Amino acid sequence: MKNTEDIVKKIKNAMDDKKAEKIKVIYIGEISVMADYFVICSAGNSSQMEAIVDNITDELAKEHIYSAKVEGNRNSGWILMDYGDVIVHVFLREDREFYNLERIWSDGKVIDD
């Protein structure tokens, strides 16, 4: 079983492989009981958003890691994937700006590579 940081890295790489925009990792483990990390990215259109989600799913499945729940779809503008300690948010650009999770979770720590 991989540790949480390895899962975060694998998610980021899967996002990057599909040219996700503005990938951001926020550590929320000290301020929330729901998860330790949010991994957030933007997509230019719904097809790219779906490709990002599919690639994350495929890459983690290779490690036998599966999402407990997926909310939203390519037409909703926001897809949430629950991997337990890691919550993935894939947004269309305009929906990401509207919901502004980075502001809402500004007490979290942005992780830089």
PDB file of N, CA and C in Angstrom:
ATOM      1  N   MET A   1       0.853  -1.192   0.000  1.00  0.00           N
ATOM      2  CA  MET A   1       0.000   0.000   0.000  1.00  0.00           C
ATOM      3  C   MET A   1       0.886   1.239   0.000  1.00  0.00           C
ATOM      4  N   LYS A   2       0.564   2.148  -0.825  1.00  0.00           N
ATOM      5  CA  LYS A   2       1.333   3.393  -0.907  1.00  0.00           C
ATOM      6  C   LYS A   2       0.921   4.331   0.210  1.00  0.00           C
ATOM      7  N   ASN A   3       1.845   5.208   0.600  1.00  0.00           N
ATOM      8  CA  ASN A   3       1.480   6.207   1.598  1.00  0.00           C
ATOM      9  C   ASN A   3       0.752   7.373   0.926  1.00  0.00           C
ATOM     10  N   THR A   4       0.165   8.218   1.723  1.00  0.00           N
ATOM     11  CA  THR A   4      -0.684   9.302   1.220  1.00  0.00           C
ATOM     12  C   THR A   4       0.088  10.234   0.298  1.00  0.00           C
ATOM     13  N   GLU A   5       1.324  10.565   0.648  1.00  0.00           N
ATOM     14  CA  GLU A   5       2.120  11.466  -0.187  1.00  0.00           C
ATOM     15  C   GLU A   5       2.385  10.865  -1.568  1.00  0.00           C
ATOM     16  N   ASP A   6       2.583   9.551  -1.633  1.00  0.00           N
ATOM     17  CA  ASP A   6       2.772   8.882  -2.924  1.00  0.00           C
ATOM     18  C   ASP A   6       1.496   8.956  -3.764  1.00  0.00           C
ATOM     19  N   ILE A   7       0.357   8.810  -3.121  1.00  0.00           N
ATOM     20  CA  ILE A   7      -0.918   8.909  -3.831  1.00  0.00           C
ATOM     21  C   ILE A   7      -1.101  10.319  -4.385  1.00  0.00           C
ATOM     22  N   VAL A   8      -0.786  11.319  -3.585  1.00  0.00           N
ATOM     23  CA  VAL A   8      -0.879  12.710  -4.040  1.00  0.00           C
ATOM     24  C   VAL A   8       0.007  12.924  -5.263  1.00  0.00           C
ATOM     25  N   LYS A   9       1.231  12.423  -5.199  1.00  0.00           N
ATOM     26  CA  LYS A   9       2.161  12.590  -6.324  1.00  0.00           C
ATOM     27  C   LYS A   9       1.640  11.894  -7.577  1.00  0.00           C
ATOM     28  N   LYS A  10       1.092  10.714  -7.413  1.00  0.00           N
ATOM     29  CA  LYS A  10       0.549   9.967  -8.552  1.00  0.00           C
ATOM     30  C   LYS A  10      -0.637  10.728  -9.169  1.00  0.00           C
ATOM     31  N   ILE A  11      -1.475  11.314  -8.330  1.00  0.00           N
ATOM     32  CA  ILE A  11      -2.608  12.105  -8.822  1.00  0.00           C
ATOM     33  C   ILE A  11      -2.110  13.320  -9.589  1.00  0.00           C
ATOM     34  N   LYS A  12      -1.141  14.033  -9.022  1.00  0.00           N
ATOM     35  CA  LYS A  12      -0.583  15.201  -9.700  1.00  0.00           C
ATOM     36  C   LYS A  12       0.009  14.824 -11.054  1.00  0.00           C
ATOM     37  N   ASN A  13       0.740  13.724 -11.104  1.00  0.00           N
ATOM     38  CA  ASN A  13       1.333  13.277 -12.364  1.00  0.00           C
ATOM     39  C   ASN A  13       0.260  12.921 -13.392  1.00  0.00           C
ATOM     40  N   ALA A  14      -0.805  12.267 -12.931  1.00  0.00           N
ATOM     41  CA  ALA A  14      -1.899  11.910 -13.842  1.00  0.00           C
ATOM     42  C   ALA A  14      -2.585  13.159 -14.374  1.00  0.00           C
ATOM     43  N   MET A  15      -2.742  14.168 -13.522  1.00  0.00           N
ATOM     44  CA  MET A  15      -3.313  15.443 -13.970  1.00  0.00           C
ATOM     45  C   MET A  15      -2.410  16.093 -15.006  1.00  0.00           C
ATOM     46  N   ASP A  16      -1.131  16.141 -14.680  1.00  0.00           N
ATOM     47  CA  ASP A  16      -0.152  16.777 -15.558  1.00  0.00           C
ATOM     48  C   ASP A  16      -0.089  16.080 -16.922  1.00  0.00           C
ATOM     49  N   ASP A  17      -0.195  14.754 -16.925  1.00  0.00           N
ATOM     50  CA  ASP A  17      -0.171  13.995 -18.183  1.00  0.00           C
ATOM     51  C   ASP A  17      -1.280  14.426 -19.134  1.00  0.00           C
ATOM     52  N   LYS A  18      -2.377  14.906 -18.591  1.00  0.00           N
ATOM     53  CA  LYS A  18      -3.522  15.340 -19.420  1.00  0.00           C
ATOM     54  C   LYS A  18      -3.616  16.860 -19.501  1.00  0.00           C
ATOM     55  N   LYS A  19      -2.489  17.515 -19.188  1.00  0.00           N
ATOM     56  CA  LYS A  19      -2.363  18.974 -19.333  1.00  0.00           C
ATOM     57  C   LYS A  19      -3.337  19.761 -18.466  1.00  0.00           C
ATOM     58  N   ALA A  20      -3.592  19.256 -17.274  1.00  0.00           N
ATOM     59  CA  ALA A  20      -4.419  19.994 -16.319  1.00  0.00           C
ATOM     60  C   ALA A  20      -3.746  21.324 -16.003  1.00  0.00           C
ATOM     61  N   GLU A  21      -4.555  22.316 -15.680  1.00  0.00           N
ATOM     62  CA  GLU A  21      -4.054  23.656 -15.411  1.00  0.00           C
ATOM     63  C   GLU A  21      -4.072  23.940 -13.912  1.00  0.00           C
ATOM     64  N   LYS A  22      -3.113  24.724 -13.469  1.00  0.00           N
ATOM     65  CA  LYS A  22      -3.063  25.241 -12.101  1.00  0.00           C
ATOM     66  C   LYS A  22      -3.277  24.150 -11.048  1.00  0.00           C
ATOM     67  N   ILE A  23      -2.475  23.112 -11.133  1.00  0.00           N
ATOM     68  CA  ILE A  23      -2.558  22.022 -10.157  1.00  0.00           C
ATOM     69  C   ILE A  23      -2.088  22.554  -8.804  1.00  0.00           C
ATOM     70  N   LYS A  24      -2.897  22.307  -7.796  1.00  0.00           N
ATOM     71  CA  LYS A  24      -2.548  22.783  -6.456  1.00  0.00           C
ATOM     72  C   LYS A  24      -2.861  21.691  -5.442  1.00  0.00           C
ATOM     73  N   VAL A  25      -1.930  21.502  -4.508  1.00  0.00           N
ATOM     74  CA  VAL A  25      -2.114  20.555  -3.406  1.00  0.00           C
ATOM     75  C   VAL A  25      -2.197  21.369  -2.128  1.00  0.00           C
ATOM     76  N   ILE A  26      -3.254  21.117  -1.357  1.00  0.00           N
ATOM     77  CA  ILE A  26      -3.440  21.806  -0.081  1.00  0.00           C
ATOM     78  C   ILE A  26      -3.510  20.757   1.025  1.00  0.00           C
ATOM     79  N   TYR A  27      -2.627  20.891   2.022  1.00  0.00           N
ATOM     80  CA  TYR A  27      -2.659  20.012   3.181  1.00  0.00           C
ATOM     81  C   TYR A  27      -3.687  20.579   4.166  1.00  0.00           C
ATOM     82  N   ILE A  28      -4.730  19.785   4.449  1.00  0.00           N
ATOM     83  CA  ILE A  28      -5.795  20.231   5.354  1.00  0.00           C
ATOM     84  C   ILE A  28      -5.907  19.337   6.584  1.00  0.00           C
ATOM     85  N   GLY A  29      -4.956  18.435   6.741  1.00  0.00           N
ATOM     86  CA  GLY A  29      -5.001  17.446   7.815  1.00  0.00           C
ATOM     87  C   GLY A  29      -5.075  18.020   9.211  1.00  0.00           C
ATOM     88  N   GLU A  30      -4.530  19.222   9.410  1.00  0.00           N
ATOM     89  CA  GLU A  30      -4.547  19.830  10.739  1.00  0.00           C
ATOM     90  C   GLU A  30      -5.800  20.654  11.007  1.00  0.00           C
ATOM     91  N   ILE A  31      -6.608  20.881   9.957  1.00  0.00           N
ATOM     92  CA  ILE A  31      -7.799  21.720  10.132  1.00  0.00           C
ATOM     93  C   ILE A  31      -9.095  21.006   9.763  1.00  0.00           C
ATOM     94  N   SER A  32      -8.993  19.747   9.340  1.00  0.00           N
ATOM     95  CA  SER A  32     -10.180  19.015   8.919  1.00  0.00           C
ATOM     96  C   SER A  32     -10.048  17.530   9.247  1.00  0.00           C
ATOM     97  N   VAL A  33     -11.161  16.905   9.540  1.00  0.00           N
ATOM     98  CA  VAL A  33     -11.165  15.457   9.766  1.00  0.00           C
ATOM     99  C   VAL A  33     -11.586  14.697   8.515  1.00  0.00           C
ATOM    100  N   MET A  34     -12.024  15.413   7.470  1.00  0.00           N
ATOM    101  CA  MET A  34     -12.517  14.736   6.269  1.00  0.00           C
ATOM    102  C   MET A  34     -11.420  14.152   5.397  1.00  0.00           C
ATOM    103  N   ALA A  35     -10.232  14.763   5.422  1.00  0.00           N
ATOM    104  CA  ALA A  35      -9.129  14.308   4.584  1.00  0.00           C
ATOM    105  C   ALA A  35      -7.853  14.989   5.047  1.00  0.00           C
ATOM    106  N   ASP A  36      -6.735  14.538   4.476  1.00  0.00           N
ATOM    107  CA  ASP A  36      -5.458  15.193   4.741  1.00  0.00           C
ATOM    108  C   ASP A  36      -5.072  16.157   3.625  1.00  0.00           C
ATOM    109  N   TYR A  37      -5.474  15.832   2.396  1.00  0.00           N
ATOM    110  CA  TYR A  37      -5.085  16.647   1.245  1.00  0.00           C
ATOM    111  C   TYR A  37      -6.251  16.887   0.302  1.00  0.00           C
ATOM    112  N   PHE A  38      -6.242  18.074  -0.293  1.00  0.00           N
ATOM    113  CA  PHE A  38      -7.025  18.372  -1.479  1.00  0.00           C
ATOM    114  C   PHE A  38      -6.036  18.492  -2.626  1.00  0.00           C
ATOM    115  N   VAL A  39      -6.347  17.885  -3.760  1.00  0.00           N
ATOM    116  CA  VAL A  39      -5.586  18.102  -4.984  1.00  0.00           C
ATOM    117  C   VAL A  39      -6.586  18.701  -5.971  1.00  0.00           C
ATOM    118  N   ILE A  40      -6.279  19.912  -6.434  1.00  0.00           N
ATOM    119  CA  ILE A  40      -7.208  20.695  -7.238  1.00  0.00           C
ATOM    120  C   ILE A  40      -6.560  21.025  -8.578  1.00  0.00           C
ATOM    121  N   CYS A  41      -7.360  20.960  -9.648  1.00  0.00           N
ATOM    122  CA  CYS A  41      -6.863  21.401 -10.950  1.00  0.00           C
ATOM    123  C   CYS A  41      -8.021  21.926 -11.776  1.00  0.00           C
ATOM    124  N   SER A  42      -7.661  22.581 -12.881  1.00  0.00           N
ATOM    125  CA  SER A  42      -8.645  23.108 -13.825  1.00  0.00           C
ATOM    126  C   SER A  42      -8.459  22.443 -15.176  1.00  0.00           C
ATOM    127  N   ALA A  43      -9.557  22.399 -15.920  1.00  0.00           N
ATOM    128  CA  ALA A  43      -9.544  21.899 -17.295  1.00  0.00           C
ATOM    129  C   ALA A  43     -10.164  22.957 -18.199  1.00  0.00           C
ATOM    130  N   GLY A  44      -9.725  22.992 -19.439  1.00  0.00           N
ATOM    131  CA  GLY A  44     -10.225  23.978 -20.386  1.00  0.00           C
ATOM    132  C   GLY A  44     -11.599  23.675 -20.930  1.00  0.00           C
ATOM    133  N   ASN A  45     -11.986  22.398 -20.916  1.00  0.00           N
ATOM    134  CA  ASN A  45     -13.305  22.009 -21.426  1.00  0.00           C
ATOM    135  C   ASN A  45     -13.721  20.686 -20.799  1.00  0.00           C
ATOM    136  N   SER A  46     -14.961  20.296 -21.038  1.00  0.00           N
ATOM    137  CA  SER A  46     -15.481  19.095 -20.382  1.00  0.00           C
ATOM    138  C   SER A  46     -14.802  17.815 -20.860  1.00  0.00           C
ATOM    139  N   SER A  47     -14.362  17.771 -22.108  1.00  0.00           N
ATOM    140  CA  SER A  47     -13.653  16.585 -22.595  1.00  0.00           C
ATOM    141  C   SER A  47     -12.316  16.423 -21.880  1.00  0.00           C
ATOM    142  N   GLN A  48     -11.602  17.530 -21.682  1.00  0.00           N
ATOM    143  CA  GLN A  48     -10.341  17.467 -20.957  1.00  0.00           C
ATOM    144  C   GLN A  48     -10.581  17.087 -19.501  1.00  0.00           C
ATOM    145  N   MET A  49     -11.641  17.625 -18.922  1.00  0.00           N
ATOM    146  CA  MET A  49     -11.968  17.298 -17.538  1.00  0.00           C
ATOM    147  C   MET A  49     -12.191  15.785 -17.401  1.00  0.00           C
ATOM    148  N   GLU A  50     -12.931  15.211 -18.308  1.00  0.00           N
ATOM    149  CA  GLU A  50     -13.184  13.769 -18.278  1.00  0.00           C
ATOM    150  C   GLU A  50     -11.897  12.972 -18.492  1.00  0.00           C
ATOM    151  N   ALA A  51     -11.032  13.451 -19.376  1.00  0.00           N
ATOM    152  CA  ALA A  51      -9.759  12.763 -19.630  1.00  0.00           C
ATOM    153  C   ALA A  51      -8.873  12.788 -18.376  1.00  0.00           C
ATOM    154  N   ILE A  52      -8.868  13.904 -17.659  1.00  0.00           N
ATOM    155  CA  ILE A  52      -8.087  14.008 -16.419  1.00  0.00           C
ATOM    156  C   ILE A  52      -8.602  13.005 -15.391  1.00  0.00           C
ATOM    157  N   VAL A  53      -9.910  12.980 -15.193  1.00  0.00           N
ATOM    158  CA  VAL A  53     -10.523  12.062 -14.223  1.00  0.00           C
ATOM    159  C   VAL A  53     -10.245  10.609 -14.607  1.00  0.00           C
ATOM    160  N   ASP A  54     -10.411  10.287 -15.884  1.00  0.00           N
ATOM    161  CA  ASP A  54     -10.152   8.919 -16.338  1.00  0.00           C
ATOM    162  C   ASP A  54      -8.700   8.525 -16.118  1.00  0.00           C
ATOM    163  N   ASN A  55      -7.769   9.451 -16.367  1.00  0.00           N
ATOM    164  CA  ASN A  55      -6.356   9.139 -16.198  1.00  0.00           C
ATOM    165  C   ASN A  55      -6.003   8.937 -14.720  1.00  0.00           C
ATOM    166  N   ILE A  56      -6.571   9.761 -13.844  1.00  0.00           N
ATOM    167  CA  ILE A  56      -6.352   9.565 -12.411  1.00  0.00           C
ATOM    168  C   ILE A  56      -6.858   8.186 -11.989  1.00  0.00           C
ATOM    169  N   THR A  57      -8.069   7.861 -12.412  1.00  0.00           N
ATOM    170  CA  THR A  57      -8.671   6.568 -12.088  1.00  0.00           C
ATOM    171  C   THR A  57      -7.800   5.420 -12.575  1.00  0.00           C
ATOM    172  N   ASP A  58      -7.349   5.497 -13.824  1.00  0.00           N
ATOM    173  CA  ASP A  58      -6.542   4.431 -14.416  1.00  0.00           C
ATOM    174  C   ASP A  58      -5.189   4.282 -13.720  1.00  0.00           C
ATOM    175  N   GLU A  59      -4.525   5.400 -13.464  1.00  0.00           N
ATOM    176  CA  GLU A  59      -3.194   5.352 -12.855  1.00  0.00           C
ATOM    177  C   GLU A  59      -3.240   4.817 -11.418  1.00  0.00           C
ATOM    178  N   LEU A  60      -4.237   5.223 -10.658  1.00  0.00           N
ATOM    179  CA  LEU A  60      -4.345   4.721  -9.289  1.00  0.00           C
ATOM    180  C   LEU A  60      -4.808   3.268  -9.256  1.00  0.00           C
ATOM    181  N   ALA A  61      -5.638   2.880 -10.216  1.00  0.00           N
ATOM    182  CA  ALA A  61      -6.083   1.484 -10.276  1.00  0.00           C
ATOM    183  C   ALA A  61      -4.902   0.542 -10.502  1.00  0.00           C
ATOM    184  N   LYS A  62      -3.869   1.013 -11.205  1.00  0.00           N
ATOM    185  CA  LYS A  62      -2.662   0.189 -11.394  1.00  0.00           C
ATOM    186  C   LYS A  62      -2.011  -0.150 -10.060  1.00  0.00           C
ATOM    187  N   GLU A  63      -2.246   0.684  -9.064  1.00  0.00           N
ATOM    188  CA  GLU A  63      -1.708   0.463  -7.714  1.00  0.00           C
ATOM    189  C   GLU A  63      -2.770  -0.136  -6.780  1.00  0.00           C
ATOM    190  N   HIS A  64      -3.903  -0.543  -7.353  1.00  0.00           N
ATOM    191  CA  HIS A  64      -5.024  -1.102  -6.597  1.00  0.00           C
ATOM    192  C   HIS A  64      -5.598  -0.083  -5.609  1.00  0.00           C
ATOM    193  N   ILE A  65      -5.639   1.168  -6.036  1.00  0.00           N
ATOM    194  CA  ILE A  65      -6.214   2.255  -5.247  1.00  0.00           C
ATOM    195  C   ILE A  65      -7.443   2.739  -6.001  1.00  0.00           C
ATOM    196  N   TYR A  66      -8.584   2.717  -5.316  1.00  0.00           N
ATOM    197  CA  TYR A  66      -9.849   3.046  -5.971  1.00  0.00           C
ATOM    198  C   TYR A  66     -10.580   4.122  -5.190  1.00  0.00           C
ATOM    199  N   SER A  67     -11.281   4.955  -5.913  1.00  0.00           N
ATOM    200  CA  SER A  67     -12.057   6.023  -5.303  1.00  0.00           C
ATOM    201  C   SER A  67     -13.272   5.438  -4.590  1.00  0.00           C
ATOM    202  N   ALA A  68     -13.492   5.899  -3.359  1.00  0.00           N
ATOM    203  CA  ALA A  68     -14.666   5.462  -2.606  1.00  0.00           C
ATOM    204  C   ALA A  68     -15.935   6.057  -3.202  1.00  0.00           C
ATOM    205  N   LYS A  69     -15.797   7.243  -3.788  1.00  0.00           N
ATOM    206  CA  LYS A  69     -16.963   7.918  -4.338  1.00  0.00           C
ATOM    207  C   LYS A  69     -16.506   8.957  -5.348  1.00  0.00           C
ATOM    208  N   VAL A  70     -17.309   9.119  -6.400  1.00  0.00           N
ATOM    209  CA  VAL A  70     -17.093  10.174  -7.385  1.00  0.00           C
ATOM    210  C   VAL A  70     -18.388  10.952  -7.499  1.00  0.00           C
ATOM    211  N   GLU A  71     -18.281  12.272  -7.366  1.00  0.00           N
ATOM    212  CA  GLU A  71     -19.442  13.159  -7.486  1.00  0.00           C
ATOM    213  C   GLU A  71     -19.257  14.044  -8.700  1.00  0.00           C
ATOM    214  N   GLY A  72     -20.319  14.288  -9.428  1.00  0.00           N
ATOM    215  CA  GLY A  72     -20.272  15.151 -10.605  1.00  0.00           C
ATOM    216  C   GLY A  72     -19.958  14.358 -11.857  1.00  0.00           C
ATOM    217  N   ASN A  73     -20.002  15.058 -12.981  1.00  0.00           N
ATOM    218  CA  ASN A  73     -19.669  14.451 -14.264  1.00  0.00           C
ATOM    219  C   ASN A  73     -19.180  15.540 -15.208  1.00  0.00           C
ATOM    220  N   ARG A  74     -18.867  15.154 -16.425  1.00  0.00           N
ATOM    221  CA  ARG A  74     -18.268  16.112 -17.366  1.00  0.00           C
ATOM    222  C   ARG A  74     -19.167  17.305 -17.644  1.00  0.00           C
ATOM    223  N   ASN A  75     -20.462  17.184 -17.409  1.00  0.00           N
ATOM    224  CA  ASN A  75     -21.385  18.289 -17.670  1.00  0.00           C
ATOM    225  C   ASN A  75     -21.633  19.170 -16.447  1.00  0.00           C
ATOM    226  N   SER A  76     -21.116  18.773 -15.300  1.00  0.00           N
ATOM    227  CA  SER A  76     -21.398  19.523 -14.076  1.00  0.00           C
ATOM    228  C   SER A  76     -20.391  20.640 -13.807  1.00  0.00           C
ATOM    229  N   GLY A  77     -19.232  20.601 -14.456  1.00  0.00           N
ATOM    230  CA  GLY A  77     -18.227  21.630 -14.241  1.00  0.00           C
ATOM    231  C   GLY A  77     -17.312  21.372 -13.060  1.00  0.00           C
ATOM    232  N   TRP A  78     -17.604  20.340 -12.275  1.00  0.00           N
ATOM    233  CA  TRP A  78     -16.795  20.028 -11.092  1.00  0.00           C
ATOM    234  C   TRP A  78     -16.956  18.549 -10.804  1.00  0.00           C
ATOM    235  N   ILE A  79     -15.848  17.838 -10.766  1.00  0.00           N
ATOM    236  CA  ILE A  79     -15.865  16.425 -10.404  1.00  0.00           C
ATOM    237  C   ILE A  79     -15.011  16.252  -9.154  1.00  0.00           C
ATOM    238  N   LEU A  80     -15.583  15.604  -8.160  1.00  0.00           N
ATOM    239  CA  LEU A  80     -14.902  15.321  -6.903  1.00  0.00           C
ATOM    240  C   LEU A  80     -14.669  13.825  -6.823  1.00  0.00           C
ATOM    241  N   MET A  81     -13.436  13.439  -6.479  1.00  0.00           N
ATOM    242  CA  MET A  81     -13.067  12.031  -6.334  1.00  0.00           C
ATOM    243  C   MET A  81     -12.546  11.833  -4.908  1.00  0.00           C
ATOM    244  N   ASP A  82     -13.136  10.908  -4.182  1.00  0.00           N
ATOM    245  CA  ASP A  82     -12.784  10.676  -2.782  1.00  0.00           C
ATOM    246  C   ASP A  82     -11.881   9.452  -2.666  1.00  0.00           C
ATOM    247  N   TYR A  83     -10.620   9.714  -2.325  1.00  0.00           N
ATOM    248  CA  TYR A  83      -9.661   8.638  -2.092  1.00  0.00           C
ATOM    249  C   TYR A  83      -9.303   8.536  -0.612  1.00  0.00           C
ATOM    250  N   GLY A  84     -10.257   8.818   0.247  1.00  0.00           N
ATOM    251  CA  GLY A  84     -10.018   8.714   1.683  1.00  0.00           C
ATOM    252  C   GLY A  84      -9.270   9.920   2.204  1.00  0.00           C
ATOM    253  N   ASP A  85      -7.971   9.771   2.394  1.00  0.00           N
ATOM    254  CA  ASP A  85      -7.148  10.870   2.901  1.00  0.00           C
ATOM    255  C   ASP A  85      -6.873  11.936   1.847  1.00  0.00           C
ATOM    256  N   VAL A  86      -7.225  11.654   0.589  1.00  0.00           N
ATOM    257  CA  VAL A  86      -6.993  12.596  -0.506  1.00  0.00           C
ATOM    258  C   VAL A  86      -8.306  12.820  -1.257  1.00  0.00           C
ATOM    259  N   ILE A  87      -8.689  14.082  -1.354  1.00  0.00           N
ATOM    260  CA  ILE A  87      -9.881  14.454  -2.118  1.00  0.00           C
ATOM    261  C   ILE A  87      -9.408  15.205  -3.360  1.00  0.00           C
ATOM    262  N   VAL A  88      -9.847  14.752  -4.521  1.00  0.00           N
ATOM    263  CA  VAL A  88      -9.462  15.345  -5.800  1.00  0.00           C
ATOM    264  C   VAL A  88     -10.624  16.190  -6.307  1.00  0.00           C
ATOM    265  N   HIS A  89     -10.293  17.406  -6.751  1.00  0.00           N
ATOM    266  CA  HIS A  89     -11.273  18.313  -7.342  1.00  0.00           C
ATOM    267  C   HIS A  89     -10.795  18.668  -8.744  1.00  0.00           C
ATOM    268  N   VAL A  90     -11.585  18.316  -9.758  1.00  0.00           N
ATOM    269  CA  VAL A  90     -11.279  18.680 -11.133  1.00  0.00           C
ATOM    270  C   VAL A  90     -12.397  19.614 -11.600  1.00  0.00           C
ATOM    271  N   PHE A  91     -12.011  20.836 -11.930  1.00  0.00           N
ATOM    272  CA  PHE A  91     -12.965  21.876 -12.286  1.00  0.00           C
ATOM    273  C   PHE A  91     -12.794  22.329 -13.733  1.00  0.00           C
ATOM    274  N   LEU A  92     -13.883  22.818 -14.322  1.00  0.00           N
ATOM    275  CA  LEU A  92     -13.739  23.695 -15.476  1.00  0.00           C
ATOM    276  C   LEU A  92     -13.242  25.030 -14.939  1.00  0.00           C
ATOM    277  N   ARG A  93     -12.482  25.765 -15.733  1.00  0.00           N
ATOM    278  CA  ARG A  93     -11.860  27.014 -15.261  1.00  0.00           C
ATOM    279  C   ARG A  93     -12.840  27.935 -14.543  1.00  0.00           C
ATOM    280  N   GLU A  94     -13.959  28.228 -15.196  1.00  0.00           N
ATOM    281  CA  GLU A  94     -14.905  29.200 -14.628  1.00  0.00           C
ATOM    282  C   GLU A  94     -15.555  28.698 -13.340  1.00  0.00           C
ATOM    283  N   ASP A  95     -15.775  27.406 -13.229  1.00  0.00           N
ATOM    284  CA  ASP A  95     -16.349  26.852 -12.002  1.00  0.00           C
ATOM    285  C   ASP A  95     -15.338  26.898 -10.860  1.00  0.00           C
ATOM    286  N   ARG A  96     -14.083  26.684 -11.165  1.00  0.00           N
ATOM    287  CA  ARG A  96     -13.050  26.783 -10.127  1.00  0.00           C
ATOM    288  C   ARG A  96     -12.983  28.204  -9.576  1.00  0.00           C
ATOM    289  N   GLU A  97     -13.043  29.175 -10.456  1.00  0.00           N
ATOM    290  CA  GLU A  97     -13.030  30.571 -10.009  1.00  0.00           C
ATOM    291  C   GLU A  97     -14.257  30.875  -9.158  1.00  0.00           C
ATOM    292  N   PHE A  98     -15.405  30.358  -9.555  1.00  0.00           N
ATOM    293  CA  PHE A  98     -16.645  30.623  -8.824  1.00  0.00           C
ATOM    294  C   PHE A  98     -16.600  30.020  -7.415  1.00  0.00           C
ATOM    295  N   TYR A  99     -16.225  28.752  -7.304  1.00  0.00           N
ATOM    296  CA  TYR A  99     -16.242  28.080  -6.002  1.00  0.00           C
ATOM    297  C   TYR A  99     -15.032  28.439  -5.141  1.00  0.00           C
ATOM    298  N   ASN A 100     -13.901  28.742  -5.749  1.00  0.00           N
ATOM    299  CA  ASN A 100     -12.709  29.257  -5.082  1.00  0.00           C
ATOM    300  C   ASN A 100     -12.352  28.481  -3.799  1.00  0.00           C
ATOM    301  N   LEU A 101     -12.145  27.196  -3.936  1.00  0.00           N
ATOM    302  CA  LEU A 101     -11.787  26.356  -2.789  1.00  0.00           C
ATOM    303  C   LEU A 101     -10.508  26.819  -2.106  1.00  0.00           C
ATOM    304  N   GLU A 102      -9.591  27.357  -2.880  1.00  0.00           N
ATOM    305  CA  GLU A 102      -8.337  27.830  -2.287  1.00  0.00           C
ATOM    306  C   GLU A 102      -8.601  28.921  -1.246  1.00  0.00           C
ATOM    307  N   ARG A 103      -9.566  29.766  -1.488  1.00  0.00           N
ATOM    308  CA  ARG A 103      -9.907  30.808  -0.518  1.00  0.00           C
ATOM    309  C   ARG A 103     -10.619  30.191   0.683  1.00  0.00           C
ATOM    310  N   ILE A 104     -11.564  29.313   0.423  1.00  0.00           N
ATOM    311  CA  ILE A 104     -12.330  28.684   1.501  1.00  0.00           C
ATOM    312  C   ILE A 104     -11.403  27.893   2.434  1.00  0.00           C
ATOM    313  N   TRP A 105     -10.411  27.221   1.866  1.00  0.00           N
ATOM    314  CA  TRP A 105      -9.479  26.399   2.642  1.00  0.00           C
ATOM    315  C   TRP A 105      -8.130  27.094   2.813  1.00  0.00           C
ATOM    316  N   SER A 106      -8.138  28.415   2.909  1.00  0.00           N
ATOM    317  CA  SER A 106      -6.901  29.183   2.991  1.00  0.00           C
ATOM    318  C   SER A 106      -6.123  28.916   4.294  1.00  0.00           C
ATOM    319  N   ASP A 107      -6.768  28.315   5.289  1.00  0.00           N
ATOM    320  CA  ASP A 107      -6.052  27.930   6.512  1.00  0.00           C
ATOM    321  C   ASP A 107      -5.197  26.690   6.306  1.00  0.00           C
ATOM    322  N   GLY A 108      -5.419  25.995   5.190  1.00  0.00           N
ATOM    323  CA  GLY A 108      -4.583  24.840   4.863  1.00  0.00           C
ATOM    324  C   GLY A 108      -3.217  25.303   4.365  1.00  0.00           C
ATOM    325  N   LYS A 109      -2.320  24.345   4.226  1.00  0.00           N
ATOM    326  CA  LYS A 109      -0.965  24.639   3.776  1.00  0.00           C
ATOM    327  C   LYS A 109      -0.800  24.208   2.343  1.00  0.00           C
ATOM    328  N   VAL A 110      -0.484  25.162   1.470  1.00  0.00           N
ATOM    329  CA  VAL A 110      -0.220  24.836   0.070  1.00  0.00           C
ATOM    330  C   VAL A 110       1.122  24.129  -0.006  1.00  0.00           C
ATOM    331  N   ILE A 111       1.129  22.958  -0.643  1.00  0.00           N
ATOM    332  CA  ILE A 111       2.341  22.138  -0.757  1.00  0.00           C
ATOM    333  C   ILE A 111       2.997  22.424  -2.097  1.00  0.00           C
ATOM    334  N   ASP A 112       4.273  22.766  -2.062  1.00  0.00           N
ATOM    335  CA  ASP A 112       5.047  22.995  -3.281  1.00  0.00           C
ATOM    336  C   ASP A 112       6.025  21.858  -3.485  1.00  0.00           C
ATOM    337  N   ASP A 113       6.273  21.535  -4.741  1.00  0.00           N
ATOM    338  CA  ASP A 113       7.292  20.502  -5.055  1.00  0.00           C
ATOM    339  C   ASP A 113       8.625  21.165  -5.246  1.00  0.00           C
TER     340      ASP A 113
END
